[in-house]
Amino acid sequence: MAKALGPARQMRQTPPAHCQGRAAITAIEPVSTPDFTFRKEIGGKPFYLLHGDQDYDLRLADLPAHCATGNNGSLALIKLPSATHGWENGQHFFALPFTAAGKDPGKLRLRTPNAKRANLPPAYYMLFYVDCKGKPSVARMVRFDDSAREP
C-alpha cells in the first residue's frame, strides 16, 4: 500500500537565510527589441534567452552599502553540468564584461560575447553578479543559444 504524502509544500515567499544580504539580479532587458521570445515564466520563475553580440541591461537590487555601485563587481556565466562523461561534465565559467548603464548605480549594460569566437556552447547557464567583496548573487537562469527562438 502506498504511503500517503504530507500536505503540499508552499513556495517560499522570502529568500532563505543564506541568500539574504546578497545582491540580486532583478531584471534583464534587451536594449533593442529582439526578434525572438526573450523572457518566459517556467514554474513561476523567469527564464531568459540571450543571443550573442547583443546588449542587455541588468537591474541589480540589494547592493551592500560598501558596494555602492554595481560597477565594482563582476558578472559570470556558469554552464550547467551534464553527466555524460566521467572525466569532464561540461561545466564552464565565462567572465562577462559590462559597463554602467546611465547614472543609476543598480543598472549595468552587458554585451554578450559572440558564441563562436568565445567557444560558448548553446546551453542553460546560471548568471551571477559578484559584488565588490566577492559575494555572489542568487543565480538567474538564462539560456544562451543563437539559434533558439524561446527560452
N, C-alpha and C. Protein backbone atom coordinates (compact mmCIF):
# COMPACT_ATOMS: atom_id res chain seq x y z
N MET A 1 0.85 -1.17 0.00
CA MET A 1 0.00 0.00 0.00
C MET A 1 0.89 1.23 0.00
N ALA A 2 0.56 2.19 -0.83
CA ALA A 2 1.36 3.41 -0.94
C ALA A 2 1.19 4.28 0.29
N LYS A 3 2.26 4.87 0.71
CA LYS A 3 2.25 5.75 1.87
C LYS A 3 1.69 7.11 1.46
N ALA A 4 0.81 7.67 2.26
CA ALA A 4 0.21 8.97 1.96
C ALA A 4 1.27 10.07 2.09
N LEU A 5 1.24 10.97 1.14
CA LEU A 5 2.16 12.10 1.19
C LEU A 5 1.61 13.17 2.11
N GLY A 6 2.45 13.94 2.71
CA GLY A 6 2.04 15.02 3.60
C GLY A 6 1.41 16.16 2.82
N PRO A 7 1.05 17.24 3.51
CA PRO A 7 0.43 18.37 2.83
C PRO A 7 1.39 18.99 1.81
N ALA A 8 0.81 19.59 0.78
CA ALA A 8 1.62 20.22 -0.27
C ALA A 8 2.48 21.32 0.33
N ARG A 9 3.70 21.41 -0.13
CA ARG A 9 4.61 22.46 0.35
C ARG A 9 4.31 23.77 -0.36
N GLN A 10 4.37 24.83 0.37
CA GLN A 10 4.15 26.16 -0.18
C GLN A 10 5.48 26.73 -0.68
N MET A 11 5.44 27.49 -1.76
CA MET A 11 6.64 28.15 -2.27
C MET A 11 7.09 29.21 -1.28
N ARG A 12 8.36 29.34 -1.08
CA ARG A 12 8.94 30.31 -0.16
C ARG A 12 8.74 31.72 -0.72
N GLN A 13 8.19 32.61 0.09
CA GLN A 13 7.94 33.99 -0.33
C GLN A 13 9.15 34.88 -0.12
N THR A 14 9.99 34.56 0.83
CA THR A 14 11.20 35.35 1.08
C THR A 14 12.40 34.45 0.84
N PRO A 15 13.54 35.06 0.48
CA PRO A 15 14.71 34.22 0.24
C PRO A 15 15.15 33.51 1.52
N PRO A 16 15.74 32.32 1.38
CA PRO A 16 16.24 31.64 2.58
C PRO A 16 17.33 32.47 3.24
N ALA A 17 17.58 32.19 4.51
CA ALA A 17 18.52 33.00 5.30
C ALA A 17 19.89 33.09 4.65
N HIS A 18 20.37 32.00 4.05
CA HIS A 18 21.71 32.03 3.45
C HIS A 18 21.76 32.92 2.20
N CYS A 19 20.60 33.32 1.64
CA CYS A 19 20.57 34.19 0.46
C CYS A 19 20.30 35.64 0.82
N GLN A 20 19.88 35.91 2.04
CA GLN A 20 19.60 37.29 2.42
C GLN A 20 20.90 38.06 2.55
N GLY A 21 20.85 39.34 2.21
CA GLY A 21 22.06 40.17 2.26
C GLY A 21 22.90 40.06 1.00
N ARG A 22 22.40 39.40 0.00
CA ARG A 22 23.10 39.28 -1.28
C ARG A 22 22.48 40.22 -2.29
N ALA A 23 23.30 40.70 -3.19
CA ALA A 23 22.77 41.47 -4.31
C ALA A 23 21.92 40.52 -5.16
N ALA A 24 20.98 41.08 -5.88
CA ALA A 24 20.12 40.26 -6.72
C ALA A 24 19.99 40.87 -8.10
N ILE A 25 19.99 40.04 -9.11
CA ILE A 25 19.68 40.49 -10.47
C ILE A 25 18.16 40.41 -10.58
N THR A 26 17.50 41.56 -10.56
CA THR A 26 16.04 41.55 -10.53
C THR A 26 15.42 41.60 -11.92
N ALA A 27 16.15 42.06 -12.91
CA ALA A 27 15.59 42.13 -14.26
C ALA A 27 16.71 42.12 -15.29
N ILE A 28 16.41 41.55 -16.44
CA ILE A 28 17.29 41.57 -17.60
C ILE A 28 16.42 42.05 -18.75
N GLU A 29 16.84 43.09 -19.42
CA GLU A 29 16.07 43.65 -20.52
C GLU A 29 16.95 43.84 -21.74
N PRO A 30 16.48 43.47 -22.93
CA PRO A 30 17.26 43.73 -24.14
C PRO A 30 17.24 45.22 -24.44
N VAL A 31 18.37 45.76 -24.93
CA VAL A 31 18.44 47.18 -25.27
C VAL A 31 17.62 47.46 -26.52
N SER A 32 17.72 46.60 -27.52
CA SER A 32 16.89 46.73 -28.72
C SER A 32 15.87 45.59 -28.72
N THR A 33 14.77 45.78 -29.42
CA THR A 33 13.71 44.78 -29.44
C THR A 33 14.18 43.54 -30.20
N PRO A 34 14.23 42.39 -29.52
CA PRO A 34 14.68 41.18 -30.19
C PRO A 34 13.58 40.59 -31.08
N ASP A 35 13.99 39.77 -32.02
CA ASP A 35 13.03 39.10 -32.90
C ASP A 35 12.74 37.68 -32.41
N PHE A 36 12.88 37.47 -31.11
CA PHE A 36 12.63 36.17 -30.51
C PHE A 36 11.98 36.40 -29.14
N THR A 37 11.40 35.34 -28.57
CA THR A 37 10.82 35.42 -27.23
C THR A 37 11.96 35.50 -26.23
N PHE A 38 12.02 36.61 -25.53
CA PHE A 38 13.17 36.89 -24.68
C PHE A 38 13.00 36.34 -23.26
N ARG A 39 11.80 36.39 -22.72
CA ARG A 39 11.56 36.02 -21.33
C ARG A 39 10.34 35.12 -21.25
N LYS A 40 10.44 34.10 -20.39
CA LYS A 40 9.33 33.17 -20.23
C LYS A 40 9.28 32.71 -18.78
N GLU A 41 8.07 32.60 -18.26
CA GLU A 41 7.88 32.07 -16.91
C GLU A 41 7.80 30.54 -17.02
N ILE A 42 8.64 29.86 -16.28
CA ILE A 42 8.61 28.40 -16.22
C ILE A 42 8.57 28.03 -14.74
N GLY A 43 7.49 27.42 -14.32
CA GLY A 43 7.35 27.06 -12.91
C GLY A 43 7.34 28.28 -12.00
N GLY A 44 6.82 29.40 -12.50
CA GLY A 44 6.74 30.61 -11.68
C GLY A 44 8.03 31.39 -11.60
N LYS A 45 9.07 30.96 -12.27
CA LYS A 45 10.37 31.64 -12.25
C LYS A 45 10.68 32.16 -13.64
N PRO A 46 11.31 33.33 -13.74
CA PRO A 46 11.65 33.85 -15.07
C PRO A 46 12.90 33.17 -15.63
N PHE A 47 12.81 32.80 -16.90
CA PHE A 47 13.96 32.29 -17.65
C PHE A 47 14.17 33.25 -18.81
N TYR A 48 15.42 33.49 -19.17
CA TYR A 48 15.75 34.44 -20.22
C TYR A 48 16.52 33.75 -21.32
N LEU A 49 16.32 34.22 -22.55
CA LEU A 49 17.08 33.73 -23.70
C LEU A 49 18.01 34.85 -24.14
N LEU A 50 19.29 34.56 -24.17
CA LEU A 50 20.28 35.54 -24.61
C LEU A 50 20.90 35.07 -25.91
N HIS A 51 21.11 35.99 -26.83
CA HIS A 51 21.81 35.71 -28.09
C HIS A 51 23.16 36.44 -28.05
N GLY A 52 24.12 35.96 -28.81
CA GLY A 52 25.45 36.56 -28.87
C GLY A 52 25.44 37.90 -29.56
N ASP A 53 26.42 38.73 -29.22
CA ASP A 53 26.60 40.06 -29.81
C ASP A 53 25.38 40.95 -29.64
N GLN A 54 24.74 40.88 -28.48
CA GLN A 54 23.57 41.70 -28.17
C GLN A 54 23.82 42.45 -26.87
N ASP A 55 23.17 43.60 -26.73
CA ASP A 55 23.27 44.39 -25.49
C ASP A 55 22.04 44.14 -24.62
N TYR A 56 22.29 43.98 -23.33
CA TYR A 56 21.22 43.77 -22.35
C TYR A 56 21.50 44.66 -21.15
N ASP A 57 20.43 45.19 -20.56
CA ASP A 57 20.54 45.94 -19.31
C ASP A 57 20.13 45.03 -18.17
N LEU A 58 20.94 45.03 -17.12
CA LEU A 58 20.65 44.24 -15.93
C LEU A 58 20.33 45.20 -14.79
N ARG A 59 19.30 44.90 -14.04
CA ARG A 59 18.92 45.69 -12.88
C ARG A 59 19.35 44.93 -11.63
N LEU A 60 20.11 45.60 -10.76
CA LEU A 60 20.57 45.00 -9.52
C LEU A 60 19.80 45.60 -8.35
N ALA A 61 19.55 44.78 -7.35
CA ALA A 61 18.90 45.25 -6.12
C ALA A 61 19.69 44.73 -4.93
N ASP A 62 19.48 45.36 -3.82
CA ASP A 62 20.09 44.94 -2.55
C ASP A 62 21.61 44.94 -2.59
N LEU A 63 22.20 45.93 -3.31
CA LEU A 63 23.65 46.06 -3.27
C LEU A 63 24.08 46.43 -1.86
N PRO A 64 25.10 45.77 -1.31
CA PRO A 64 25.58 46.14 0.02
C PRO A 64 26.07 47.59 0.04
N ALA A 65 25.98 48.23 1.19
CA ALA A 65 26.38 49.63 1.32
C ALA A 65 27.85 49.84 0.93
N HIS A 66 28.70 48.87 1.22
CA HIS A 66 30.12 49.00 0.89
C HIS A 66 30.38 48.84 -0.61
N CYS A 67 29.37 48.43 -1.36
CA CYS A 67 29.46 48.32 -2.81
C CYS A 67 28.40 49.23 -3.41
N ALA A 68 28.57 50.51 -3.23
CA ALA A 68 27.53 51.49 -3.57
C ALA A 68 27.08 51.43 -5.02
N THR A 69 27.95 51.04 -5.92
CA THR A 69 27.56 50.91 -7.32
C THR A 69 27.83 49.50 -7.79
N GLY A 70 27.16 49.11 -8.84
CA GLY A 70 27.39 47.78 -9.41
C GLY A 70 28.66 47.69 -10.22
N ASN A 71 29.30 48.85 -10.48
CA ASN A 71 30.48 48.88 -11.35
C ASN A 71 31.69 48.16 -10.78
N ASN A 72 31.76 48.01 -9.46
CA ASN A 72 32.97 47.42 -8.89
C ASN A 72 32.79 45.94 -8.55
N GLY A 73 31.90 45.28 -9.25
CA GLY A 73 31.72 43.85 -9.09
C GLY A 73 32.09 43.14 -10.39
N SER A 74 31.54 41.96 -10.59
CA SER A 74 31.79 41.22 -11.82
C SER A 74 30.54 40.41 -12.18
N LEU A 75 30.47 40.02 -13.44
CA LEU A 75 29.39 39.16 -13.93
C LEU A 75 29.99 37.86 -14.43
N ALA A 76 29.28 36.77 -14.21
CA ALA A 76 29.79 35.48 -14.65
C ALA A 76 28.66 34.59 -15.12
N LEU A 77 28.92 33.83 -16.16
CA LEU A 77 28.03 32.77 -16.62
C LEU A 77 28.68 31.44 -16.24
N ILE A 78 27.90 30.57 -15.64
CA ILE A 78 28.39 29.23 -15.33
C ILE A 78 27.45 28.24 -15.98
N LYS A 79 27.99 27.45 -16.90
CA LYS A 79 27.18 26.47 -17.63
C LYS A 79 26.78 25.34 -16.69
N LEU A 80 25.53 24.94 -16.82
CA LEU A 80 25.06 23.81 -16.02
C LEU A 80 25.75 22.54 -16.49
N PRO A 81 26.11 21.67 -15.57
CA PRO A 81 26.83 20.45 -15.96
C PRO A 81 25.90 19.40 -16.54
N SER A 82 26.49 18.47 -17.24
CA SER A 82 25.77 17.29 -17.72
C SER A 82 26.64 16.07 -17.41
N ALA A 83 26.01 15.03 -16.96
CA ALA A 83 26.76 13.85 -16.52
C ALA A 83 26.88 12.84 -17.66
N THR A 84 27.44 13.29 -18.78
CA THR A 84 27.59 12.37 -19.91
C THR A 84 29.01 11.82 -20.01
N HIS A 85 29.94 12.40 -19.30
CA HIS A 85 31.32 11.93 -19.34
C HIS A 85 31.83 11.79 -17.91
N GLY A 86 32.65 10.81 -17.69
CA GLY A 86 33.19 10.59 -16.36
C GLY A 86 34.32 11.55 -16.01
N TRP A 87 34.95 12.16 -16.97
CA TRP A 87 36.11 12.99 -16.71
C TRP A 87 35.86 14.47 -16.95
N GLU A 88 34.81 14.81 -17.66
CA GLU A 88 34.55 16.23 -17.95
C GLU A 88 33.04 16.42 -18.06
N ASN A 89 32.45 17.07 -17.06
CA ASN A 89 30.99 17.16 -17.03
C ASN A 89 30.43 18.37 -17.76
N GLY A 90 31.26 19.11 -18.45
CA GLY A 90 30.77 20.20 -19.28
C GLY A 90 30.53 21.52 -18.57
N GLN A 91 30.80 21.59 -17.28
CA GLN A 91 30.56 22.85 -16.56
C GLN A 91 31.69 23.82 -16.88
N HIS A 92 31.34 25.02 -17.33
CA HIS A 92 32.34 26.02 -17.71
C HIS A 92 32.00 27.36 -17.09
N PHE A 93 33.01 28.19 -16.91
CA PHE A 93 32.88 29.52 -16.34
C PHE A 93 33.28 30.55 -17.39
N PHE A 94 32.45 31.59 -17.57
CA PHE A 94 32.73 32.66 -18.51
C PHE A 94 32.57 34.00 -17.79
N ALA A 95 33.62 34.78 -17.72
CA ALA A 95 33.52 36.14 -17.17
C ALA A 95 32.94 37.05 -18.25
N LEU A 96 32.04 37.94 -17.87
CA LEU A 96 31.37 38.81 -18.82
C LEU A 96 31.70 40.26 -18.54
N PRO A 97 32.22 40.99 -19.53
CA PRO A 97 32.48 42.42 -19.32
C PRO A 97 31.17 43.20 -19.33
N PHE A 98 31.14 44.29 -18.59
CA PHE A 98 29.95 45.13 -18.53
C PHE A 98 30.36 46.57 -18.24
N THR A 99 29.44 47.49 -18.44
CA THR A 99 29.65 48.90 -18.13
C THR A 99 28.43 49.41 -17.36
N ALA A 100 28.57 50.60 -16.80
CA ALA A 100 27.43 51.23 -16.14
C ALA A 100 26.42 51.65 -17.21
N ALA A 101 25.14 51.52 -16.91
CA ALA A 101 24.09 51.92 -17.85
C ALA A 101 23.44 53.18 -17.29
N GLY A 102 24.00 54.32 -17.65
CA GLY A 102 23.47 55.60 -17.15
C GLY A 102 23.97 55.92 -15.76
N LYS A 103 23.22 56.75 -15.06
CA LYS A 103 23.65 57.21 -13.73
C LYS A 103 23.10 56.37 -12.60
N ASP A 104 22.25 55.42 -12.91
CA ASP A 104 21.67 54.55 -11.90
C ASP A 104 22.72 53.54 -11.44
N PRO A 105 23.09 53.54 -10.14
CA PRO A 105 24.14 52.61 -9.68
C PRO A 105 23.73 51.14 -9.74
N GLY A 106 22.44 50.86 -9.83
CA GLY A 106 21.99 49.48 -9.87
C GLY A 106 21.67 48.97 -11.26
N LYS A 107 22.18 49.65 -12.28
CA LYS A 107 21.89 49.23 -13.66
C LYS A 107 23.19 49.05 -14.43
N LEU A 108 23.34 47.88 -15.04
CA LEU A 108 24.54 47.55 -15.79
C LEU A 108 24.17 47.22 -17.23
N ARG A 109 25.08 47.49 -18.14
CA ARG A 109 24.89 47.11 -19.54
C ARG A 109 25.89 46.01 -19.87
N LEU A 110 25.36 44.92 -20.37
CA LEU A 110 26.14 43.74 -20.72
C LEU A 110 26.08 43.54 -22.22
N ARG A 111 27.21 43.31 -22.84
CA ARG A 111 27.25 42.91 -24.26
C ARG A 111 27.67 41.46 -24.27
N THR A 112 26.76 40.61 -24.73
CA THR A 112 27.08 39.18 -24.74
C THR A 112 28.14 38.89 -25.80
N PRO A 113 29.01 37.94 -25.52
CA PRO A 113 30.07 37.62 -26.48
C PRO A 113 29.53 36.89 -27.69
N ASN A 114 30.30 36.91 -28.76
CA ASN A 114 30.00 36.11 -29.93
C ASN A 114 30.23 34.65 -29.53
N ALA A 115 29.21 33.83 -29.65
CA ALA A 115 29.28 32.46 -29.16
C ALA A 115 30.38 31.65 -29.82
N LYS A 116 30.56 31.81 -31.11
CA LYS A 116 31.58 31.02 -31.82
C LYS A 116 32.99 31.44 -31.42
N ARG A 117 33.24 32.75 -31.39
CA ARG A 117 34.59 33.22 -31.02
C ARG A 117 34.92 32.92 -29.57
N ALA A 118 33.92 33.00 -28.68
CA ALA A 118 34.16 32.76 -27.25
C ALA A 118 34.06 31.28 -26.89
N ASN A 119 33.73 30.44 -27.90
CA ASN A 119 33.57 29.00 -27.66
C ASN A 119 32.55 28.75 -26.55
N LEU A 120 31.42 29.44 -26.67
CA LEU A 120 30.34 29.39 -25.68
C LEU A 120 29.25 28.47 -26.23
N PRO A 121 29.18 27.23 -25.76
CA PRO A 121 28.20 26.30 -26.32
C PRO A 121 26.77 26.69 -25.96
N PRO A 122 25.82 26.42 -26.85
CA PRO A 122 24.42 26.68 -26.54
C PRO A 122 23.98 25.79 -25.38
N ALA A 123 23.44 26.42 -24.34
CA ALA A 123 23.06 25.67 -23.15
C ALA A 123 22.37 26.58 -22.16
N TYR A 124 21.95 26.01 -21.06
CA TYR A 124 21.44 26.78 -19.94
C TYR A 124 22.60 27.14 -19.03
N TYR A 125 22.56 28.36 -18.52
CA TYR A 125 23.61 28.89 -17.67
C TYR A 125 23.02 29.55 -16.44
N MET A 126 23.82 29.65 -15.41
CA MET A 126 23.49 30.47 -14.25
C MET A 126 24.24 31.79 -14.44
N LEU A 127 23.53 32.90 -14.33
CA LEU A 127 24.14 34.23 -14.43
C LEU A 127 24.26 34.79 -13.02
N PHE A 128 25.47 35.14 -12.62
CA PHE A 128 25.73 35.68 -11.29
C PHE A 128 26.31 37.08 -11.39
N TYR A 129 25.94 37.93 -10.45
CA TYR A 129 26.65 39.18 -10.20
C TYR A 129 27.42 38.94 -8.91
N VAL A 130 28.71 39.24 -8.91
CA VAL A 130 29.55 39.08 -7.73
C VAL A 130 29.91 40.48 -7.25
N ASP A 131 29.54 40.80 -5.99
CA ASP A 131 29.76 42.16 -5.50
C ASP A 131 31.24 42.43 -5.20
N CYS A 132 31.54 43.63 -4.78
CA CYS A 132 32.94 44.06 -4.59
C CYS A 132 33.67 43.27 -3.50
N LYS A 133 32.95 42.57 -2.65
CA LYS A 133 33.57 41.75 -1.61
C LYS A 133 33.65 40.27 -2.00
N GLY A 134 33.22 39.95 -3.24
CA GLY A 134 33.30 38.57 -3.73
C GLY A 134 32.09 37.72 -3.41
N LYS A 135 31.00 38.32 -2.93
CA LYS A 135 29.80 37.56 -2.60
C LYS A 135 28.88 37.48 -3.82
N PRO A 136 28.56 36.27 -4.28
CA PRO A 136 27.72 36.15 -5.49
C PRO A 136 26.24 36.38 -5.18
N SER A 137 25.54 36.84 -6.19
CA SER A 137 24.08 36.98 -6.08
C SER A 137 23.44 35.61 -6.19
N VAL A 138 22.16 35.56 -5.97
CA VAL A 138 21.39 34.36 -6.29
C VAL A 138 21.39 34.27 -7.82
N ALA A 139 21.55 33.10 -8.35
CA ALA A 139 21.68 32.93 -9.81
C ALA A 139 20.38 33.23 -10.53
N ARG A 140 20.50 33.77 -11.73
CA ARG A 140 19.40 33.91 -12.69
C ARG A 140 19.64 32.88 -13.77
N MET A 141 18.60 32.14 -14.11
CA MET A 141 18.75 31.13 -15.15
C MET A 141 18.57 31.77 -16.52
N VAL A 142 19.53 31.55 -17.40
CA VAL A 142 19.47 32.06 -18.76
C VAL A 142 19.82 30.94 -19.73
N ARG A 143 19.29 31.05 -20.91
CA ARG A 143 19.65 30.14 -21.99
C ARG A 143 20.43 30.96 -22.99
N PHE A 144 21.62 30.53 -23.30
CA PHE A 144 22.46 31.21 -24.29
C PHE A 144 22.48 30.33 -25.52
N ASP A 145 21.78 30.78 -26.57
CA ASP A 145 21.65 29.95 -27.76
C ASP A 145 21.21 30.84 -28.92
N ASP A 146 22.10 31.07 -29.88
CA ASP A 146 21.80 31.95 -31.01
C ASP A 146 20.72 31.40 -31.93
N SER A 147 20.54 30.09 -31.97
CA SER A 147 19.55 29.53 -32.89
C SER A 147 18.17 29.35 -32.24
N ALA A 148 18.06 29.50 -30.93
CA ALA A 148 16.78 29.30 -30.24
C ALA A 148 15.87 30.50 -30.41
N ARG A 149 14.58 30.26 -30.40
CA ARG A 149 13.59 31.33 -30.56
C ARG A 149 12.85 31.62 -29.26
N GLU A 150 12.96 30.74 -28.26
CA GLU A 150 12.35 30.99 -26.95
C GLU A 150 13.13 30.23 -25.89
N PRO A 151 13.02 30.73 -24.62
CA PRO A 151 13.78 30.08 -23.53
C PRO A 151 13.32 28.69 -23.33
